[in-house]
Structures are given as C-alpha cells and as structure tokens.
Amino acid sequence: NPEDTAVYYCAALESSYTYYVSRRASEYDYWGQGTQVTVSS
C-alpha cells in the first residue's frame, strides 16, 4: 500500500546469540545503500 513507500535498507548486526534479533538501528553495524520502493494508489 502507499504507506509502504520508502527507501528500504538492509542492515547487519554481529551477534554471538543464535536467536537474537534487535529493533534498534543503533545496534546494527553495517548498512546497504538503500533501494527505493514506491507504491501508488
């Protein structure tokens, strides 16, 4: 839907924990350059 329109970024966080996920952008170590997604109504 149009609310999904954004630049989407891939990110990687080095972790010792097998099942851990993080919601905090500040924890991620590496980032891609982004790809634009545009949804029109």
PDB file of all heavy atoms in Angstrom:
ATOM      1  N   ASN A   1       0.851  -1.187   0.000  1.00  0.00           N
ATOM      2  CA  ASN A   1       0.000   0.000   0.000  1.00  0.00           C
ATOM      3  C   ASN A   1       0.893   1.246   0.000  1.00  0.00           C
ATOM      4  O   ASN A   1       2.102   1.155   0.252  1.00  0.00           O
ATOM      5  CB  ASN A   1      -0.960  -0.029   1.190  1.00  0.00           C
ATOM      6  CG  ASN A   1      -0.238  -0.094   2.523  1.00  0.00           C
ATOM      7  OD1 ASN A   1       0.516   0.813   2.865  1.00  0.00           O
ATOM      8  ND2 ASN A   1      -0.468  -1.163   3.267  1.00  0.00           N
ATOM      9  N   PRO A   2       0.315   2.398  -0.297  1.00  0.00           N
ATOM     10  CA  PRO A   2       1.133   3.615  -0.407  1.00  0.00           C
ATOM     11  C   PRO A   2       1.945   3.928   0.846  1.00  0.00           C
ATOM     12  O   PRO A   2       3.010   4.561   0.752  1.00  0.00           O
ATOM     13  CB  PRO A   2       0.096   4.702  -0.691  1.00  0.00           C
ATOM     14  CG  PRO A   2      -0.980   3.986  -1.429  1.00  0.00           C
ATOM     15  CD  PRO A   2      -1.060   2.630  -0.776  1.00  0.00           C
ATOM     16  N   GLU A   3       1.474   3.487   2.010  1.00  0.00           N
ATOM     17  CA  GLU A   3       2.211   3.731   3.258  1.00  0.00           C
ATOM     18  C   GLU A   3       3.514   2.942   3.318  1.00  0.00           C
ATOM     19  O   GLU A   3       4.356   3.198   4.184  1.00  0.00           O
ATOM     20  CB  GLU A   3       1.342   3.390   4.469  1.00  0.00           C
ATOM     21  CG  GLU A   3       0.188   4.355   4.722  1.00  0.00           C
ATOM     22  CD  GLU A   3      -0.897   4.263   3.660  1.00  0.00           C
ATOM     23  OE1 GLU A   3      -1.204   3.130   3.215  1.00  0.00           O
ATOM     24  OE2 GLU A   3      -1.442   5.327   3.262  1.00  0.00           O
ATOM     25  N   ASP A   4       3.691   1.995   2.424  1.00  0.00           N
ATOM     26  CA  ASP A   4       4.939   1.231   2.374  1.00  0.00           C
ATOM     27  C   ASP A   4       6.008   1.948   1.553  1.00  0.00           C
ATOM     28  O   ASP A   4       7.154   1.486   1.486  1.00  0.00           O
ATOM     29  CB  ASP A   4       4.701  -0.153   1.769  1.00  0.00           C
ATOM     30  CG  ASP A   4       3.778  -1.015   2.618  1.00  0.00           C
ATOM     31  OD1 ASP A   4       3.973  -1.044   3.856  1.00  0.00           O
ATOM     32  OD2 ASP A   4       2.872  -1.656   2.052  1.00  0.00           O
ATOM     33  N   THR A   5       5.660   3.039   0.924  1.00  0.00           N
ATOM     34  CA  THR A   5       6.621   3.786   0.122  1.00  0.00           C
ATOM     35  C   THR A   5       7.745   4.326   1.005  1.00  0.00           C
ATOM     36  O   THR A   5       7.495   5.003   2.000  1.00  0.00           O
ATOM     37  CB  THR A   5       5.927   4.954  -0.591  1.00  0.00           C
ATOM     38  OG1 THR A   5       4.986   4.421  -1.535  1.00  0.00           O
ATOM     39  CG2 THR A   5       6.928   5.834  -1.319  1.00  0.00           C
ATOM     40  N   ALA A   6       8.965   3.994   0.634  1.00  0.00           N
ATOM     41  CA  ALA A   6      10.128   4.390   1.429  1.00  0.00           C
ATOM     42  C   ALA A   6      11.399   3.899   0.735  1.00  0.00           C
ATOM     43  O   ALA A   6      11.327   3.120  -0.219  1.00  0.00           O
ATOM     44  CB  ALA A   6      10.059   3.797   2.832  1.00  0.00           C
ATOM     45  N   VAL A   7      12.516   4.343   1.257  1.00  0.00           N
ATOM     46  CA  VAL A   7      13.792   3.721   0.904  1.00  0.00           C
ATOM     47  C   VAL A   7      14.028   2.594   1.899  1.00  0.00           C
ATOM     48  O   VAL A   7      13.939   2.810   3.114  1.00  0.00           O
ATOM     49  CB  VAL A   7      14.951   4.732   0.941  1.00  0.00           C
ATOM     50  CG1 VAL A   7      16.264   4.024   0.610  1.00  0.00           C
ATOM     51  CG2 VAL A   7      14.692   5.881  -0.023  1.00  0.00           C
ATOM     52  N   TYR A   8      14.297   1.430   1.387  1.00  0.00           N
ATOM     53  CA  TYR A   8      14.495   0.248   2.214  1.00  0.00           C
ATOM     54  C   TYR A   8      15.989  -0.069   2.313  1.00  0.00           C
ATOM     55  O   TYR A   8      16.691  -0.113   1.292  1.00  0.00           O
ATOM     56  CB  TYR A   8      13.742  -0.937   1.640  1.00  0.00           C
ATOM     57  CG  TYR A   8      12.256  -0.867   1.896  1.00  0.00           C
ATOM     58  CD1 TYR A   8      11.460   0.066   1.250  1.00  0.00           C
ATOM     59  CD2 TYR A   8      11.651  -1.728   2.816  1.00  0.00           C
ATOM     60  CE1 TYR A   8      10.099   0.148   1.496  1.00  0.00           C
ATOM     61  CE2 TYR A   8      10.289  -1.652   3.062  1.00  0.00           C
ATOM     62  CZ  TYR A   8       9.526  -0.712   2.408  1.00  0.00           C
ATOM     63  OH  TYR A   8       8.176  -0.636   2.665  1.00  0.00           O
ATOM     64  N   TYR A   9      16.426  -0.312   3.541  1.00  0.00           N
ATOM     65  CA  TYR A   9      17.829  -0.569   3.808  1.00  0.00           C
ATOM     66  C   TYR A   9      18.013  -1.947   4.432  1.00  0.00           C
ATOM     67  O   TYR A   9      17.269  -2.319   5.349  1.00  0.00           O
ATOM     68  CB  TYR A   9      18.405   0.468   4.767  1.00  0.00           C
ATOM     69  CG  TYR A   9      18.387   1.879   4.245  1.00  0.00           C
ATOM     70  CD1 TYR A   9      17.286   2.703   4.478  1.00  0.00           C
ATOM     71  CD2 TYR A   9      19.460   2.393   3.530  1.00  0.00           C
ATOM     72  CE1 TYR A   9      17.257   4.003   4.009  1.00  0.00           C
ATOM     73  CE2 TYR A   9      19.449   3.695   3.054  1.00  0.00           C
ATOM     74  CZ  TYR A   9      18.337   4.488   3.299  1.00  0.00           C
ATOM     75  OH  TYR A   9      18.320   5.778   2.827  1.00  0.00           O
ATOM     76  N   CYS A  10      19.013  -2.629   3.970  1.00  0.00           N
ATOM     77  CA  CYS A  10      19.450  -3.886   4.562  1.00  0.00           C
ATOM     78  C   CYS A  10      20.516  -3.565   5.608  1.00  0.00           C
ATOM     79  O   CYS A  10      21.358  -2.683   5.387  1.00  0.00           O
ATOM     80  CB  CYS A  10      20.022  -4.750   3.436  1.00  0.00           C
ATOM     81  SG  CYS A  10      20.955  -6.192   3.933  1.00  0.00           S
ATOM     82  N   ALA A  11      20.492  -4.254   6.731  1.00  0.00           N
ATOM     83  CA  ALA A  11      21.464  -3.996   7.790  1.00  0.00           C
ATOM     84  C   ALA A  11      21.886  -5.293   8.460  1.00  0.00           C
ATOM     85  O   ALA A  11      21.110  -6.249   8.515  1.00  0.00           O
ATOM     86  CB  ALA A  11      20.867  -3.039   8.819  1.00  0.00           C
ATOM     87  N   ALA A  12      23.109  -5.284   8.980  1.00  0.00           N
ATOM     88  CA  ALA A  12      23.667  -6.471   9.630  1.00  0.00           C
ATOM     89  C   ALA A  12      24.228  -6.108  10.986  1.00  0.00           C
ATOM     90  O   ALA A  12      24.891  -5.080  11.150  1.00  0.00           O
ATOM     91  CB  ALA A  12      24.759  -7.084   8.756  1.00  0.00           C
ATOM     92  N   LEU A  13      23.981  -6.975  11.954  1.00  0.00           N
ATOM     93  CA  LEU A  13      24.425  -6.790  13.336  1.00  0.00           C
ATOM     94  C   LEU A  13      25.188  -8.039  13.748  1.00  0.00           C
ATOM     95  O   LEU A  13      24.598  -9.133  13.767  1.00  0.00           O
ATOM     96  CB  LEU A  13      23.202  -6.577  14.213  1.00  0.00           C
ATOM     97  CG  LEU A  13      23.329  -6.317  15.702  1.00  0.00           C
ATOM     98  CD1 LEU A  13      21.979  -5.848  16.238  1.00  0.00           C
ATOM     99  CD2 LEU A  13      23.758  -7.522  16.503  1.00  0.00           C
ATOM    100  N   GLU A  14      26.446  -7.874  14.077  1.00  0.00           N
ATOM    101  CA  GLU A  14      27.221  -9.033  14.517  1.00  0.00           C
ATOM    102  C   GLU A  14      26.782  -9.443  15.922  1.00  0.00           C
ATOM    103  O   GLU A  14      26.700  -8.598  16.822  1.00  0.00           O
ATOM    104  CB  GLU A  14      28.717  -8.732  14.502  1.00  0.00           C
ATOM    105  CG  GLU A  14      29.576  -9.961  14.736  1.00  0.00           C
ATOM    106  CD  GLU A  14      31.044  -9.700  14.468  1.00  0.00           C
ATOM    107  OE1 GLU A  14      31.429  -8.514  14.346  1.00  0.00           O
ATOM    108  OE2 GLU A  14      31.810 -10.673  14.391  1.00  0.00           O
ATOM    109  N   SER A  15      26.495 -10.725  16.082  1.00  0.00           N
ATOM    110  CA  SER A  15      25.966 -11.187  17.356  1.00  0.00           C
ATOM    111  C   SER A  15      26.495 -12.575  17.692  1.00  0.00           C
ATOM    112  O   SER A  15      26.731 -13.389  16.804  1.00  0.00           O
ATOM    113  CB  SER A  15      24.438 -11.226  17.310  1.00  0.00           C
ATOM    114  OG  SER A  15      23.910 -11.785  18.489  1.00  0.00           O
ATOM    115  N   SER A  16      26.633 -12.812  18.990  1.00  0.00           N
ATOM    116  CA  SER A  16      27.043 -14.135  19.464  1.00  0.00           C
ATOM    117  C   SER A  16      25.860 -15.041  19.726  1.00  0.00           C
ATOM    118  O   SER A  16      26.045 -16.232  19.986  1.00  0.00           O
ATOM    119  CB  SER A  16      27.856 -13.994  20.752  1.00  0.00           C
ATOM    120  OG  SER A  16      29.009 -13.213  20.544  1.00  0.00           O
ATOM    121  N   TYR A  17      24.652 -14.476  19.660  1.00  0.00           N
ATOM    122  CA  TYR A  17      23.456 -15.207  20.036  1.00  0.00           C
ATOM    123  C   TYR A  17      22.703 -15.712  18.825  1.00  0.00           C
ATOM    124  O   TYR A  17      22.383 -14.954  17.913  1.00  0.00           O
ATOM    125  CB  TYR A  17      22.554 -14.321  20.895  1.00  0.00           C
ATOM    126  CG  TYR A  17      23.243 -13.848  22.135  1.00  0.00           C
ATOM    127  CD1 TYR A  17      23.729 -12.548  22.235  1.00  0.00           C
ATOM    128  CD2 TYR A  17      23.452 -14.703  23.220  1.00  0.00           C
ATOM    129  CE1 TYR A  17      24.378 -12.109  23.360  1.00  0.00           C
ATOM    130  CE2 TYR A  17      24.112 -14.273  24.356  1.00  0.00           C
ATOM    131  CZ  TYR A  17      24.570 -12.972  24.417  1.00  0.00           C
ATOM    132  OH  TYR A  17      25.223 -12.540  25.537  1.00  0.00           O
ATOM    133  N   THR A  18      22.361 -16.975  18.851  1.00  0.00           N
ATOM    134  CA  THR A  18      21.763 -17.620  17.694  1.00  0.00           C
ATOM    135  C   THR A  18      20.359 -17.114  17.381  1.00  0.00           C
ATOM    136  O   THR A  18      19.978 -17.005  16.220  1.00  0.00           O
ATOM    137  CB  THR A  18      21.709 -19.136  17.918  1.00  0.00           C
ATOM    138  OG1 THR A  18      23.014 -19.612  18.194  1.00  0.00           O
ATOM    139  CG2 THR A  18      21.160 -19.852  16.699  1.00  0.00           C
ATOM    140  N   TYR A  19      19.570 -16.791  18.424  1.00  0.00           N
ATOM    141  CA  TYR A  19      18.162 -16.462  18.227  1.00  0.00           C
ATOM    142  C   TYR A  19      17.837 -14.998  18.522  1.00  0.00           C
ATOM    143  O   TYR A  19      16.684 -14.618  18.608  1.00  0.00           O
ATOM    144  CB  TYR A  19      17.287 -17.360  19.100  1.00  0.00           C
ATOM    145  CG  TYR A  19      17.401 -18.811  18.719  1.00  0.00           C
ATOM    146  CD1 TYR A  19      18.159 -19.692  19.486  1.00  0.00           C
ATOM    147  CD2 TYR A  19      16.780 -19.296  17.575  1.00  0.00           C
ATOM    148  CE1 TYR A  19      18.287 -21.023  19.119  1.00  0.00           C
ATOM    149  CE2 TYR A  19      16.900 -20.620  17.207  1.00  0.00           C
ATOM    150  CZ  TYR A  19      17.654 -21.478  17.981  1.00  0.00           C
ATOM    151  OH  TYR A  19      17.780 -22.791  17.616  1.00  0.00           O
ATOM    152  N   TYR A  20      18.839 -14.170  18.622  1.00  0.00           N
ATOM    153  CA  TYR A  20      18.638 -12.764  18.963  1.00  0.00           C
ATOM    154  C   TYR A  20      18.265 -11.940  17.743  1.00  0.00           C
ATOM    155  O   TYR A  20      18.803 -12.162  16.649  1.00  0.00           O
ATOM    156  CB  TYR A  20      19.917 -12.204  19.576  1.00  0.00           C
ATOM    157  CG  TYR A  20      19.871 -10.730  19.908  1.00  0.00           C
ATOM    158  CD1 TYR A  20      19.088 -10.276  20.965  1.00  0.00           C
ATOM    159  CD2 TYR A  20      20.613  -9.813  19.189  1.00  0.00           C
ATOM    160  CE1 TYR A  20      19.055  -8.932  21.285  1.00  0.00           C
ATOM    161  CE2 TYR A  20      20.589  -8.476  19.487  1.00  0.00           C
ATOM    162  CZ  TYR A  20      19.808  -8.034  20.538  1.00  0.00           C
ATOM    163  OH  TYR A  20      19.772  -6.706  20.844  1.00  0.00           O
ATOM    164  N   VAL A  21      17.313 -11.023  17.920  1.00  0.00           N
ATOM    165  CA  VAL A  21      17.045 -10.001  16.919  1.00  0.00           C
ATOM    166  C   VAL A  21      16.991  -8.662  17.639  1.00  0.00           C
ATOM    167  O   VAL A  21      16.694  -8.603  18.830  1.00  0.00           O
ATOM    168  CB  VAL A  21      15.716 -10.227  16.148  1.00  0.00           C
ATOM    169  CG1 VAL A  21      15.801 -11.480  15.288  1.00  0.00           C
ATOM    170  CG2 VAL A  21      14.532 -10.290  17.089  1.00  0.00           C
ATOM    171  N   SER A  22      17.248  -7.602  16.933  1.00  0.00           N
ATOM    172  CA  SER A  22      17.226  -6.274  17.518  1.00  0.00           C
ATOM    173  C   SER A  22      16.354  -5.349  16.683  1.00  0.00           C
ATOM    174  O   SER A  22      16.376  -5.414  15.446  1.00  0.00           O
ATOM    175  CB  SER A  22      18.635  -5.704  17.603  1.00  0.00           C
ATOM    176  OG  SER A  22      18.592  -4.342  18.002  1.00  0.00           O
ATOM    177  N   ARG A  23      15.624  -4.482  17.383  1.00  0.00           N
ATOM    178  CA  ARG A  23      14.802  -3.478  16.703  1.00  0.00           C
ATOM    179  C   ARG A  23      15.500  -2.124  16.641  1.00  0.00           C
ATOM    180  O   ARG A  23      14.973  -1.196  16.045  1.00  0.00           O
ATOM    181  CB  ARG A  23      13.469  -3.327  17.428  1.00  0.00           C
ATOM    182  CG  ARG A  23      12.533  -4.497  17.211  1.00  0.00           C
ATOM    183  CD  ARG A  23      11.257  -4.312  17.979  1.00  0.00           C
ATOM    184  NE  ARG A  23      11.376  -4.734  19.354  1.00  0.00           N
ATOM    185  CZ  ARG A  23      10.388  -4.665  20.238  1.00  0.00           C
ATOM    186  NH1 ARG A  23       9.228  -4.178  19.896  1.00  0.00           N
ATOM    187  NH2 ARG A  23      10.564  -5.094  21.454  1.00  0.00           N
ATOM    188  N   ARG A  24      16.668  -2.029  17.273  1.00  0.00           N
ATOM    189  CA  ARG A  24      17.347  -0.732  17.385  1.00  0.00           C
ATOM    190  C   ARG A  24      18.356  -0.539  16.257  1.00  0.00           C
ATOM    191  O   ARG A  24      19.336  -1.278  16.147  1.00  0.00           O
ATOM    192  CB  ARG A  24      18.043  -0.615  18.735  1.00  0.00           C
ATOM    193  CG  ARG A  24      17.072  -0.516  19.899  1.00  0.00           C
ATOM    194  CD  ARG A  24      17.801  -0.153  21.181  1.00  0.00           C
ATOM    195  NE  ARG A  24      18.639  -1.249  21.644  1.00  0.00           N
ATOM    196  CZ  ARG A  24      18.230  -2.189  22.472  1.00  0.00           C
ATOM    197  NH1 ARG A  24      16.987  -2.183  22.909  1.00  0.00           N
ATOM    198  NH2 ARG A  24      19.061  -3.133  22.865  1.00  0.00           N
ATOM    199  N   ALA A  25      18.132   0.480  15.462  1.00  0.00           N
ATOM    200  CA  ALA A  25      19.038   0.760  14.348  1.00  0.00           C
ATOM    201  C   ALA A  25      20.461   0.996  14.827  1.00  0.00           C
ATOM    202  O   ALA A  25      21.427   0.646  14.135  1.00  0.00           O
ATOM    203  CB  ALA A  25      18.537   1.967  13.565  1.00  0.00           C
ATOM    204  N   SER A  26      20.600   1.575  16.004  1.00  0.00           N
ATOM    205  CA  SER A  26      21.927   1.913  16.515  1.00  0.00           C
ATOM    206  C   SER A  26      22.778   0.673  16.790  1.00  0.00           C
ATOM    207  O   SER A  26      23.998   0.769  16.892  1.00  0.00           O
ATOM    208  CB  SER A  26      21.800   2.734  17.798  1.00  0.00           C
ATOM    209  OG  SER A  26      21.091   2.008  18.786  1.00  0.00           O
ATOM    210  N   GLU A  27      22.142  -0.482  16.896  1.00  0.00           N
ATOM    211  CA  GLU A  27      22.901  -1.710  17.168  1.00  0.00           C
ATOM    212  C   GLU A  27      23.481  -2.321  15.909  1.00  0.00           C
ATOM    213  O   GLU A  27      24.400  -3.140  15.981  1.00  0.00           O
ATOM    214  CB  GLU A  27      22.005  -2.744  17.848  1.00  0.00           C
ATOM    215  CG  GLU A  27      21.680  -2.443  19.287  1.00  0.00           C
ATOM    216  CD  GLU A  27      21.144  -3.677  20.022  1.00  0.00           C
ATOM    217  OE1 GLU A  27      21.432  -4.807  19.579  1.00  0.00           O
ATOM    218  OE2 GLU A  27      20.446  -3.506  21.020  1.00  0.00           O
ATOM    219  N   TYR A  28      22.953  -1.955  14.760  1.00  0.00           N
ATOM    220  CA  TYR A  28      23.400  -2.586  13.524  1.00  0.00           C
ATOM    221  C   TYR A  28      24.733  -1.991  13.080  1.00  0.00           C
ATOM    222  O   TYR A  28      24.929  -0.775  13.090  1.00  0.00           O
ATOM    223  CB  TYR A  28      22.328  -2.457  12.443  1.00  0.00           C
ATOM    224  CG  TYR A  28      21.175  -3.395  12.709  1.00  0.00           C
ATOM    225  CD1 TYR A  28      20.223  -3.095  13.680  1.00  0.00           C
ATOM    226  CD2 TYR A  28      21.062  -4.598  12.025  1.00  0.00           C
ATOM    227  CE1 TYR A  28      19.181  -3.973  13.944  1.00  0.00           C
ATOM    228  CE2 TYR A  28      20.021  -5.478  12.277  1.00  0.00           C
ATOM    229  CZ  TYR A  28      19.088  -5.163  13.246  1.00  0.00           C
ATOM    230  OH  TYR A  28      18.058  -6.029  13.515  1.00  0.00           O
ATOM    231  N   ASP A  29      25.611  -2.891  12.623  1.00  0.00           N
ATOM    232  CA  ASP A  29      26.982  -2.495  12.324  1.00  0.00           C
ATOM    233  C   ASP A  29      27.185  -2.069  10.882  1.00  0.00           C
ATOM    234  O   ASP A  29      28.033  -1.223  10.586  1.00  0.00           O
ATOM    235  CB  ASP A  29      27.926  -3.665  12.622  1.00  0.00           C
ATOM    236  CG  ASP A  29      27.829  -4.142  14.064  1.00  0.00           C
ATOM    237  OD1 ASP A  29      28.100  -3.319  14.964  1.00  0.00           O
ATOM    238  OD2 ASP A  29      27.486  -5.320  14.281  1.00  0.00           O
ATOM    239  N   TYR A  30      26.451  -2.687   9.976  1.00  0.00           N
ATOM    240  CA  TYR A  30      26.668  -2.446   8.555  1.00  0.00           C
ATOM    241  C   TYR A  30      25.339  -2.183   7.862  1.00  0.00           C
ATOM    242  O   TYR A  30      24.306  -2.770   8.220  1.00  0.00           O
ATOM    243  CB  TYR A  30      27.363  -3.662   7.911  1.00  0.00           C
ATOM    244  CG  TYR A  30      28.686  -3.988   8.542  1.00  0.00           C
ATOM    245  CD1 TYR A  30      28.794  -5.030   9.447  1.00  0.00           C
ATOM    246  CD2 TYR A  30      29.816  -3.238   8.244  1.00  0.00           C
ATOM    247  CE1 TYR A  30      30.012  -5.325  10.043  1.00  0.00           C
ATOM    248  CE2 TYR A  30      31.036  -3.524   8.829  1.00  0.00           C
ATOM    249  CZ  TYR A  30      31.130  -4.565   9.729  1.00  0.00           C
ATOM    250  OH  TYR A  30      32.326  -4.846  10.318  1.00  0.00           O
ATOM    251  N   TRP A  31      25.401  -1.334   6.858  1.00  0.00           N
ATOM    252  CA  TRP A  31      24.208  -0.906   6.135  1.00  0.00           C
ATOM    253  C   TRP A  31      24.450  -0.921   4.631  1.00  0.00           C
ATOM    254  O   TRP A  31      25.562  -0.624   4.170  1.00  0.00           O
ATOM    255  CB  TRP A  31      23.824   0.515   6.552  1.00  0.00           C
ATOM    256  CG  TRP A  31      23.399   0.600   7.978  1.00  0.00           C
ATOM    257  CD1 TRP A  31      24.198   0.696   9.081  1.00  0.00           C
ATOM    258  CD2 TRP A  31      22.062   0.572   8.464  1.00  0.00           C
ATOM    259  NE1 TRP A  31      23.435   0.733  10.221  1.00  0.00           N
ATOM    260  CE2 TRP A  31      22.111   0.668   9.872  1.00  0.00           C
ATOM    261  CE3 TRP A  31      20.812   0.501   7.849  1.00  0.00           C
ATOM    262  CZ2 TRP A  31      20.968   0.683  10.667  1.00  0.00           C
ATOM    263  CZ3 TRP A  31      19.674   0.519   8.632  1.00  0.00           C
ATOM    264  CH2 TRP A  31      19.760   0.603  10.024  1.00  0.00           C
ATOM    265  N   GLY A  32      23.397  -1.228   3.899  1.00  0.00           N
ATOM    266  CA  GLY A  32      23.442  -1.080   2.460  1.00  0.00           C
ATOM    267  C   GLY A  32      23.113   0.348   2.067  1.00  0.00           C
ATOM    268  O   GLY A  32      22.836   1.201   2.908  1.00  0.00           O
ATOM    269  N   GLN A  33      23.120   0.574   0.775  1.00  0.00           N
ATOM    270  CA  GLN A  33      22.902   1.933   0.271  1.00  0.00           C
ATOM    271  C   GLN A  33      21.426   2.269   0.123  1.00  0.00           C
ATOM    272  O   GLN A  33      21.076   3.440  -0.040  1.00  0.00           O
ATOM    273  CB  GLN A  33      23.605   2.110  -1.084  1.00  0.00           C
ATOM    274  CG  GLN A  33      22.841   1.569  -2.294  1.00  0.00           C
ATOM    275  CD  GLN A  33      22.799   0.057  -2.355  1.00  0.00           C
ATOM    276  OE1 GLN A  33      23.479  -0.637  -1.603  1.00  0.00           O
ATOM    277  NE2 GLN A  33      21.988  -0.464  -3.267  1.00  0.00           N
ATOM    278  N   GLY A  34      20.578   1.278   0.188  1.00  0.00           N
ATOM    279  CA  GLY A  34      19.142   1.503   0.113  1.00  0.00           C
ATOM    280  C   GLY A  34      18.580   1.287  -1.279  1.00  0.00           C
ATOM    281  O   GLY A  34      19.275   1.451  -2.283  1.00  0.00           O
ATOM    282  N   THR A  35      17.320   0.911  -1.311  1.00  0.00           N
ATOM    283  CA  THR A  35      16.602   0.745  -2.574  1.00  0.00           C
ATOM    284  C   THR A  35      15.210   1.341  -2.427  1.00  0.00           C
ATOM    285  O   THR A  35      14.552   1.138  -1.403  1.00  0.00           O
ATOM    286  CB  THR A  35      16.543  -0.734  -2.988  1.00  0.00           C
ATOM    287  OG1 THR A  35      15.969  -0.853  -4.298  1.00  0.00           O
ATOM    288  CG2 THR A  35      15.761  -1.587  -2.009  1.00  0.00           C
ATOM    289  N   GLN A  36      14.779   2.080  -3.417  1.00  0.00           N
ATOM    290  CA  GLN A  36      13.507   2.803  -3.341  1.00  0.00           C
ATOM    291  C   GLN A  36      12.347   1.880  -3.677  1.00  0.00           C
ATOM    292  O   GLN A  36      12.379   1.154  -4.673  1.00  0.00           O
ATOM    293  CB  GLN A  36      13.514   3.986  -4.314  1.00  0.00           C
ATOM    294  CG  GLN A  36      12.205   4.757  -4.367  1.00  0.00           C
ATOM    295  CD  GLN A  36      11.942   5.557  -3.107  1.00  0.00           C
ATOM    296  OE1 GLN A  36      12.839   6.239  -2.596  1.00  0.00           O
ATOM    297  NE2 GLN A  36      10.710   5.494  -2.609  1.00  0.00           N
ATOM    298  N   VAL A  37      11.332   1.949  -2.843  1.00  0.00           N
ATOM    299  CA  VAL A  37      10.061   1.274  -3.108  1.00  0.00           C
ATOM    300  C   VAL A  37       8.975   2.335  -3.147  1.00  0.00           C
ATOM    301  O   VAL A  37       8.824   3.105  -2.197  1.00  0.00           O
ATOM    302  CB  VAL A  37       9.745   0.231  -2.018  1.00  0.00           C
ATOM    303  CG1 VAL A  37       8.321  -0.307  -2.199  1.00  0.00           C
ATOM    304  CG2 VAL A  37      10.754  -0.904  -2.066  1.00  0.00           C
ATOM    305  N   THR A  38       8.252   2.381  -4.239  1.00  0.00           N
ATOM    306  CA  THR A  38       7.185   3.355  -4.408  1.00  0.00           C
ATOM    307  C   THR A  38       5.895   2.627  -4.745  1.00  0.00           C
ATOM    308  O   THR A  38       5.852   1.845  -5.701  1.00  0.00           O
ATOM    309  CB  THR A  38       7.514   4.358  -5.518  1.00  0.00           C
ATOM    310  OG1 THR A  38       8.751   5.005  -5.223  1.00  0.00           O
ATOM    311  CG2 THR A  38       6.417   5.403  -5.646  1.00  0.00           C
ATOM    312  N   VAL A  39       4.873   2.860  -3.932  1.00  0.00           N
ATOM    313  CA  VAL A  39       3.581   2.215  -4.136  1.00  0.00           C
ATOM    314  C   VAL A  39       2.559   3.297  -4.436  1.00  0.00           C
ATOM    315  O   VAL A  39       2.353   4.206  -3.629  1.00  0.00           O
ATOM    316  CB  VAL A  39       3.157   1.406  -2.904  1.00  0.00           C
ATOM    317  CG1 VAL A  39       1.862   0.647  -3.201  1.00  0.00           C
ATOM    318  CG2 VAL A  39       4.252   0.440  -2.484  1.00  0.00           C
ATOM    319  N   SER A  40       1.927   3.193  -5.572  1.00  0.00           N
ATOM    320  CA  SER A  40       0.938   4.188  -5.972  1.00  0.00           C
ATOM    321  C   SER A  40      -0.470   3.649  -5.763  1.00  0.00           C
ATOM    322  O   SER A  40      -0.717   2.451  -5.870  1.00  0.00           O
ATOM    323  CB  SER A  40       1.137   4.564  -7.435  1.00  0.00           C
ATOM    324  OG  SER A  40       1.049   3.417  -8.256  1.00  0.00           O
ATOM    325  N   SER A  41      -1.366   4.569  -5.458  1.00  0.00           N
ATOM    326  CA  SER A  41      -2.756   4.164  -5.186  1.00  0.00           C
ATOM    327  C   SER A  41      -3.573   4.090  -6.457  1.00  0.00           C
ATOM    328  O   SER A  41      -3.161   4.524  -7.508  1.00  0.00           O
ATOM    329  CB  SER A  41      -3.388   5.151  -4.206  1.00  0.00           C
ATOM    330  OG  SER A  41      -3.330   6.455  -4.744  1.00  0.00           O
TER     331      SER A  41
END
